[in-house]
Every structure is written in structure tokens, then in C-alpha cells.
Amino acid sequence: MRIISLLSSKLAGLLMAAAISSAVLTTNSLANESVLAEILLVNSYERLLPLEGGSNFRDMGGYVTVDGKRVNKGLLFRSGAMTSLTQSDITYLEQFDFQTIVDLRSAEELELFPNRWAVQETIDYVNVHYSIMDLMGEALNISPDEENPEQAVLNNMGESYKGFPALLEPQFIALFDRLLAAETPLVVNCSAGQDRTGVASALILSALGVPRETILRDYHLSTELRRPEREQGDVDLQAAAETNAFAAMMLSFSDGEEVSEANPLYTEDGTSFLQFTFDDLEARYGSVLAYLDAELGVDAADIARLRELYLD
């Protein structure tokens, strides 16, 4: 009996070892499959995500910092309005397991074009109420007799870019809070994904140590990657303009015709609109990092954490 007992004990041990080994192999296999799926996902695009109804929805990853590190792909995204996303697009986006959407749009824009993707998903949706008229400020200070109001607004955009950091301070604080809490993947968006989102993205990339010239190149990709017709949805702007200032502004720019091309983000003398933001922040604070510390509460320790989280 003792011999049988010993044999049974050894057999049980062998079976347990085999079970543990099988479990480990299964766990490792699942982990490897998960890693492979993530690799395949971030390699399914170069920068712009392949979305049927997306406009300017792109990854901020891949850029090399001043100290030779690289921004991780698959975590930090920027986009235009997502009002035209299809169900196929949403299924594709679900693979990323997005944790946060920071929507920089005004109350008037949200009224016309709500983010239906955010409603469908369990994603932290961040938005702060303000008026589009407050945002545009000096840019809309044009004569009612102006023959080309869109060009007049473009000529004044530099002043608006100086005001974005102050006007959007609550949104930028919320944005960096989520980044520091690693609530990613995260996408920040506005209507075109170029102006407000351009400044927000520039602040993120500056915090990560990406060179200024690279940030400006990324900013100007919006002219190429926007699809304005996908940002407008199927709203009747003529009817909406009676009560909605954003609809009225869009109509004044387009003369009622569908906009299919994005305007270059430069003044007539060739100055990048984003440069106005950089110049103003540096004149008032000394550097972008000093501004982040003084106004958004993102100090040196936070910068170190951001770089640990989002750089390879």
C-alpha cells in the first residue's frame, strides 16, 4: 500500500506540474497574442488612422525627441470632429481601448455635432462649456462689409492663437491630468483638429521634448489630412444658423457651399499660426515648460513622469 501511495503521490505531482506548465504556456500564449495584436494594430497605419468617416484622426507617436527617445505609438491621438464616424470606424477604434476623449469644442459646436462615438462607449468624455464667440475673439472682429470674411478671419487668427491657452486653460488642465494619470489611449479633438487641437498637441509634444520644428511640421499636416466634408455631418446649416452662432459662422465662410479643402495655417506673410502661441508663451513665461508649470500646474516632476509614460 505504501508503494501504491507513493506512486499515486508522484503521479499527482506530475499531473499538477503538467497542469501548471500548461497554464503557464496558455497564459504566455495569450500574452503573446495580445502583444502581437497590439503590434499589428499600431502598424495598420502610418500616422492617419484608416477611418471611413474620420477627419484628421491621427497618432502623435513616432516623433523623436531632442534626447533621442521616441514618442510611443497607440497612446496619444488628435482629431477633427467625429460626427461622421461609421459603425465600422467605431469597431476599429474599439481595438485601441480608448480611455479618454478631450473635446475642445464650444457649446454651439456640440449642439450641432455631438460625439456619438463617446455616447456609445464607456470612455471618459471631457468637455468644458464656453461659447464659440469667446473663442474667436479678435479673429471675428471684421467689417460687416468685408467681401471675403474667411480671409479676413485668417488674417486675424494670430491674435486668436495667443488667446487659446488662457481661454482653454480648464480643458488643458483636464488634458494633462488625464495624461499624468495614464488614462490612455487618449484623443484630443476640436472641429477641424488643427487650431485648438494644434495648440493642445503642441503643448503635449513640447512637454515630451519633441523639437519645435517637428511640432510645427506635425501641426501643418492638418492641411493635408483634414476632410472638411466629414466634419460637417448632415446638419442643415441654413436652418441651424437662425439660432446657432457656429452654423452662422460656417455659412459666412462657405457662402452656403460645401467646403472640401482646408486652408493653409499661415498668415499672408508666411508665419505659422502656431508660432503666435509659442512666441506669446515664451514672451510671457520664458518657455513653454514654464507656462505649463505656472498655469497648468505641470511641474518638473510631472514632465519627468510624462516622459516615462510616453517615451521609449
Protein backbone atom coordinates (compact mmCIF):
# COMPACT_ATOMS: atom_id res chain seq x y z
CA MET A 1 0.00 0.00 0.00
CA ARG A 2 2.84 2.35 0.81
CA ILE A 3 4.33 1.79 -2.66
CA ILE A 4 0.95 2.47 -4.28
CA SER A 5 0.55 5.58 -2.12
CA LEU A 6 3.98 6.86 -3.15
CA LEU A 7 3.27 6.18 -6.79
CA SER A 8 -0.07 7.95 -6.52
CA SER A 9 1.61 10.92 -4.83
CA LYS A 10 4.27 11.14 -7.56
CA LEU A 11 1.63 10.82 -10.27
CA ALA A 12 -0.41 13.57 -8.66
CA GLY A 13 2.69 15.72 -8.51
CA LEU A 14 3.47 15.10 -12.17
CA LEU A 15 -0.10 15.86 -13.16
CA MET A 16 -0.06 19.08 -11.12
CA ALA A 17 3.26 20.10 -12.66
CA ALA A 18 1.88 19.38 -16.11
CA ALA A 19 -1.24 21.43 -15.33
CA ILE A 20 0.84 24.35 -14.06
CA SER A 21 3.09 24.14 -17.12
CA SER A 22 0.05 24.08 -19.39
CA ALA A 23 -1.46 27.06 -17.59
CA VAL A 24 1.80 28.98 -17.88
CA LEU A 25 2.03 28.16 -21.57
CA THR A 26 -1.59 29.21 -22.07
CA THR A 27 -1.01 32.46 -20.17
CA ASN A 28 2.16 33.16 -22.11
CA SER A 29 0.37 32.33 -25.35
CA LEU A 30 -2.47 34.73 -24.53
CA ALA A 31 0.02 37.42 -23.54
CA ASN A 32 1.96 36.89 -26.76
CA GLU A 33 -1.25 37.04 -28.79
CA SER A 34 -2.19 40.30 -27.05
CA VAL A 35 1.22 41.82 -27.77
CA LEU A 36 1.05 40.66 -31.39
CA ALA A 37 -2.44 42.15 -31.79
CA GLU A 38 -1.21 45.47 -30.39
CA ILE A 39 1.78 45.47 -32.75
CA LEU A 40 -0.43 44.69 -35.73
CA LEU A 41 -2.88 47.42 -34.72
CA VAL A 42 -0.32 50.23 -34.46
CA ASN A 43 1.20 49.06 -37.72
CA SER A 44 -2.15 49.22 -39.53
CA TYR A 45 -1.48 52.91 -40.18
CA GLU A 46 1.49 55.25 -40.58
CA ARG A 47 0.03 58.29 -38.80
CA LEU A 48 -3.52 58.88 -40.05
CA LEU A 49 -6.00 56.24 -38.88
CA PRO A 50 -7.82 54.45 -41.74
CA LEU A 51 -11.34 55.67 -40.91
CA GLU A 52 -14.20 55.90 -43.40
CA GLY A 53 -15.75 58.92 -41.69
CA GLY A 54 -12.76 60.37 -39.88
CA SER A 55 -11.06 63.68 -40.46
CA ASN A 56 -7.52 64.35 -39.29
CA PHE A 57 -7.69 61.49 -36.72
CA ARG A 58 -4.02 60.71 -36.26
CA ASP A 59 -1.38 59.36 -33.91
CA MET A 60 1.14 61.69 -32.26
CA GLY A 61 3.53 58.79 -31.74
CA GLY A 62 6.76 58.10 -33.56
CA TYR A 63 8.36 61.51 -33.23
CA VAL A 64 11.96 61.62 -31.96
CA THR A 65 12.76 63.89 -29.00
CA VAL A 66 15.76 66.16 -28.55
CA ASP A 67 17.48 63.47 -26.46
CA GLY A 68 16.92 60.69 -28.99
CA LYS A 69 13.89 58.99 -27.44
CA ARG A 70 10.71 58.30 -29.36
CA VAL A 71 7.05 59.05 -28.58
CA ASN A 72 5.12 55.79 -28.19
CA LYS A 73 2.50 54.97 -30.81
CA GLY A 74 -1.02 53.94 -29.94
CA LEU A 75 -1.49 56.18 -26.88
CA LEU A 76 -1.75 59.85 -27.89
CA PHE A 77 -4.11 60.89 -30.68
CA ARG A 78 -5.56 64.08 -32.16
CA SER A 79 -8.60 64.52 -34.39
CA GLY A 80 -11.16 66.73 -36.00
CA ALA A 81 -14.89 66.38 -35.29
CA MET A 82 -16.01 62.74 -35.18
CA THR A 83 -19.59 63.34 -36.25
CA SER A 84 -19.27 61.19 -39.40
CA LEU A 85 -17.65 58.09 -37.89
CA THR A 86 -19.26 54.92 -39.23
CA GLN A 87 -20.01 51.77 -37.23
CA SER A 88 -17.05 50.18 -38.99
CA ASP A 89 -14.87 53.06 -37.73
CA ILE A 90 -16.13 52.58 -34.18
CA THR A 91 -15.42 48.85 -34.35
CA TYR A 92 -11.87 49.64 -35.49
CA LEU A 93 -11.38 52.22 -32.71
CA GLU A 94 -12.62 49.75 -30.07
CA GLN A 95 -9.43 47.75 -30.64
CA PHE A 96 -7.40 50.58 -29.05
CA ASP A 97 -9.48 50.52 -25.84
CA PHE A 98 -9.62 54.32 -25.66
CA GLN A 99 -9.89 55.63 -22.11
CA THR A 100 -10.33 59.38 -22.67
CA ILE A 101 -11.73 61.87 -25.17
CA VAL A 102 -10.92 65.55 -24.52
CA ASP A 103 -13.29 67.54 -26.71
CA LEU A 104 -12.22 71.18 -27.03
CA ARG A 105 -15.30 72.31 -28.94
CA SER A 106 -17.71 75.03 -27.85
CA ALA A 107 -21.34 74.67 -26.77
CA GLU A 108 -22.52 75.77 -30.22
CA GLU A 109 -20.40 73.14 -31.98
CA LEU A 110 -21.53 70.37 -29.65
CA GLU A 111 -25.15 71.31 -30.19
CA LEU A 112 -24.74 70.82 -33.95
CA PHE A 113 -22.36 67.88 -33.95
CA PRO A 114 -22.43 65.69 -30.80
CA ASN A 115 -19.82 62.96 -30.44
CA ARG A 116 -21.94 59.83 -30.93
CA TRP A 117 -18.93 57.54 -30.53
CA ALA A 118 -18.36 58.84 -26.99
CA VAL A 119 -22.02 58.19 -26.13
CA GLN A 120 -21.77 54.58 -27.30
CA GLU A 121 -18.61 53.75 -25.41
CA THR A 122 -17.56 53.72 -21.76
CA ILE A 123 -14.97 56.42 -22.33
CA ASP A 124 -14.20 59.36 -20.04
CA TYR A 125 -15.59 62.24 -22.11
CA VAL A 126 -14.14 65.64 -21.10
CA ASN A 127 -15.71 68.89 -22.25
CA VAL A 128 -15.91 72.37 -20.70
CA HIS A 129 -18.74 74.74 -21.64
CA TYR A 130 -17.88 78.00 -23.43
CA SER A 131 -19.09 80.00 -26.45
CA ILE A 132 -17.54 79.96 -29.92
CA MET A 133 -17.81 83.76 -29.90
CA ASP A 134 -15.46 83.93 -26.91
CA LEU A 135 -13.04 81.63 -28.67
CA MET A 136 -12.77 83.50 -31.95
CA GLY A 137 -12.49 86.92 -30.31
CA GLU A 138 -10.27 89.15 -32.41
CA ALA A 139 -10.48 86.81 -35.40
CA LEU A 140 -14.16 87.70 -35.85
CA ASN A 141 -13.56 91.43 -35.45
CA ILE A 142 -14.14 92.19 -39.12
CA SER A 143 -16.24 94.70 -41.01
CA PRO A 144 -19.78 93.57 -41.92
CA ASP A 145 -19.00 94.83 -45.42
CA GLU A 146 -15.99 92.53 -45.79
CA GLU A 147 -16.18 90.83 -49.21
CA ASN A 148 -14.08 87.83 -48.13
CA PRO A 149 -14.84 87.19 -44.44
CA GLU A 150 -12.98 83.87 -44.40
CA GLN A 151 -9.72 85.51 -45.48
CA ALA A 152 -10.28 88.35 -43.02
CA VAL A 153 -10.65 85.81 -40.20
CA LEU A 154 -7.48 84.04 -41.33
CA ASN A 155 -5.61 87.35 -41.27
CA ASN A 156 -6.65 87.81 -37.63
CA MET A 157 -6.01 84.25 -36.48
CA GLY A 158 -2.63 85.03 -34.94
CA GLU A 159 -4.32 87.04 -32.20
CA SER A 160 -6.74 84.21 -31.51
CA TYR A 161 -3.84 81.77 -31.18
CA LYS A 162 -2.36 83.98 -28.48
CA GLY A 163 -5.61 83.70 -26.56
CA PHE A 164 -6.14 79.94 -26.84
CA PRO A 165 -4.05 78.96 -23.77
CA ALA A 166 -5.99 81.29 -21.45
CA LEU A 167 -9.44 80.54 -22.85
CA LEU A 168 -8.87 76.78 -22.92
CA GLU A 169 -6.99 76.57 -19.61
CA PRO A 170 -9.62 74.35 -17.89
CA GLN A 171 -9.53 71.93 -20.83
CA PHE A 172 -5.73 71.86 -20.90
CA ILE A 173 -5.58 71.21 -17.15
CA ALA A 174 -8.01 68.31 -17.57
CA LEU A 175 -5.99 67.03 -20.54
CA PHE A 176 -2.72 66.91 -18.61
CA ASP A 177 -4.44 65.46 -15.54
CA ARG A 178 -5.59 62.52 -17.66
CA LEU A 179 -2.17 62.13 -19.26
CA LEU A 180 -0.45 62.09 -15.86
CA ALA A 181 -2.97 59.52 -14.61
CA ALA A 182 -2.14 57.37 -17.67
CA GLU A 183 -5.80 57.39 -18.74
CA THR A 184 -4.76 56.49 -22.26
CA PRO A 185 -5.18 55.86 -25.12
CA LEU A 186 -6.48 59.41 -25.29
CA VAL A 187 -7.68 61.55 -28.18
CA VAL A 188 -7.98 65.33 -28.08
CA ASN A 189 -10.18 66.97 -30.70
CA CYS A 190 -11.95 70.12 -31.87
CA SER A 191 -13.92 70.68 -35.08
CA ALA A 192 -11.05 70.68 -37.58
CA GLY A 193 -8.40 69.12 -35.38
CA GLN A 194 -5.97 71.86 -36.33
CA ASP A 195 -6.32 75.10 -34.29
CA ARG A 196 -7.31 74.32 -30.69
CA THR A 197 -6.18 70.73 -31.12
CA GLY A 198 -3.00 72.02 -32.76
CA VAL A 199 -2.14 74.06 -29.67
CA ALA A 200 -3.05 71.19 -27.30
CA SER A 201 -0.91 68.76 -29.29
CA ALA A 202 1.97 71.24 -29.40
CA LEU A 203 1.86 71.51 -25.60
CA ILE A 204 1.92 67.72 -25.23
CA LEU A 205 4.79 67.25 -27.68
CA SER A 206 6.71 70.15 -26.10
CA ALA A 207 6.32 68.53 -22.67
CA LEU A 208 7.72 65.30 -24.11
CA GLY A 209 10.76 67.08 -25.54
CA VAL A 210 9.92 66.92 -29.25
CA PRO A 211 11.84 69.61 -31.22
CA ARG A 212 9.96 72.76 -32.22
CA GLU A 213 10.47 72.21 -35.96
CA THR A 214 8.95 68.72 -35.67
CA ILE A 215 5.96 70.10 -33.76
CA LEU A 216 5.37 72.72 -36.45
CA ARG A 217 5.57 70.07 -39.19
CA ASP A 218 3.05 67.94 -37.33
CA TYR A 219 0.78 70.97 -36.95
CA HIS A 220 0.78 71.71 -40.67
CA LEU A 221 -0.12 68.11 -41.56
CA SER A 222 -3.70 69.13 -40.80
CA THR A 223 -3.95 70.99 -44.11
CA GLU A 224 -3.24 67.71 -45.89
CA LEU A 225 -5.09 65.29 -43.61
CA ARG A 226 -8.34 67.12 -42.95
CA ARG A 227 -11.53 66.07 -44.73
CA PRO A 228 -13.83 69.09 -44.13
CA GLU A 229 -16.87 67.40 -45.65
CA ARG A 230 -16.69 64.73 -42.93
CA GLU A 231 -16.61 67.38 -40.19
CA GLN A 232 -19.95 68.90 -41.22
CA GLY A 233 -22.21 65.87 -40.90
CA ASP A 234 -25.72 66.13 -42.33
CA VAL A 235 -26.87 69.23 -40.45
CA ASP A 236 -28.98 71.83 -42.27
CA LEU A 237 -26.74 74.84 -41.62
CA GLN A 238 -29.23 77.30 -43.11
CA ALA A 239 -31.86 76.33 -40.57
CA ALA A 240 -29.38 75.97 -37.70
CA ALA A 241 -27.85 79.40 -38.38
CA GLU A 242 -31.01 81.07 -37.12
CA THR A 243 -30.14 80.12 -33.54
CA ASN A 244 -26.59 78.77 -33.65
CA ALA A 245 -23.57 81.11 -33.97
CA PHE A 246 -21.23 78.36 -35.18
CA ALA A 247 -23.61 77.42 -38.02
CA ALA A 248 -23.86 81.10 -39.00
CA MET A 249 -20.08 81.42 -38.99
CA MET A 250 -19.65 78.32 -41.16
CA LEU A 251 -22.16 79.67 -43.68
CA SER A 252 -20.42 83.04 -43.86
CA PHE A 253 -17.14 81.30 -44.64
CA SER A 254 -18.52 78.98 -47.30
CA ASP A 255 -21.26 81.07 -48.96
CA GLY A 256 -23.52 78.08 -48.43
CA GLU A 257 -21.31 75.74 -50.50
CA GLU A 258 -19.71 72.56 -49.12
CA VAL A 259 -16.10 73.09 -48.08
CA SER A 260 -13.83 70.36 -49.44
CA GLU A 261 -10.34 71.79 -48.91
CA ALA A 262 -8.56 73.03 -45.80
CA ASN A 263 -6.92 76.46 -45.73
CA PRO A 264 -3.15 76.56 -45.09
CA LEU A 265 -2.35 77.52 -41.50
CA TYR A 266 -0.18 80.54 -42.30
CA THR A 267 -0.59 84.30 -42.38
CA GLU A 268 -0.22 86.06 -45.71
CA ASP A 269 3.46 86.72 -44.90
CA GLY A 270 4.08 83.01 -44.28
CA THR A 271 4.07 82.95 -40.46
CA SER A 272 2.64 79.77 -38.94
CA PHE A 273 -0.41 80.49 -36.77
CA LEU A 274 1.02 78.17 -34.11
CA GLN A 275 4.14 80.32 -33.94
CA PHE A 276 2.00 83.11 -32.43
CA THR A 277 1.18 80.82 -29.50
CA PHE A 278 4.81 79.84 -28.99
CA ASP A 279 6.05 83.42 -29.22
CA ASP A 280 3.43 84.72 -26.79
CA LEU A 281 4.06 81.99 -24.20
CA GLU A 282 7.81 82.49 -24.39
CA ALA A 283 7.48 86.28 -24.12
CA ARG A 284 5.31 85.99 -21.00
CA TYR A 285 6.74 82.91 -19.26
CA GLY A 286 10.18 82.36 -20.76
CA SER A 287 9.38 78.90 -22.17
CA VAL A 288 6.52 76.52 -22.87
CA LEU A 289 7.57 74.35 -19.92
CA ALA A 290 7.47 77.39 -17.62
CA TYR A 291 3.94 78.13 -18.85
CA LEU A 292 2.89 74.53 -18.17
CA ASP A 293 4.20 74.85 -14.62
CA ALA A 294 2.78 78.32 -13.90
CA GLU A 295 -0.69 77.94 -15.40
CA LEU A 296 -1.46 74.22 -15.70
CA GLY A 297 0.40 73.00 -12.61
CA VAL A 298 2.58 70.64 -14.65
CA ASP A 299 5.92 70.87 -12.85
CA ALA A 300 9.33 69.28 -13.46
CA ALA A 301 8.32 66.05 -11.69
CA ASP A 302 5.21 65.84 -13.88
CA ILE A 303 7.29 66.38 -17.01
CA ALA A 304 9.56 63.51 -15.93
CA ARG A 305 6.51 61.28 -15.39
CA LEU A 306 5.03 62.15 -18.79
CA ARG A 307 8.31 61.25 -20.46
CA GLU A 308 8.49 57.99 -18.53
CA LEU A 309 4.94 57.10 -19.57
CA TYR A 310 5.02 58.09 -23.24
CA LEU A 311 8.60 57.79 -24.47
CA ASP A 312 10.72 54.78 -25.44
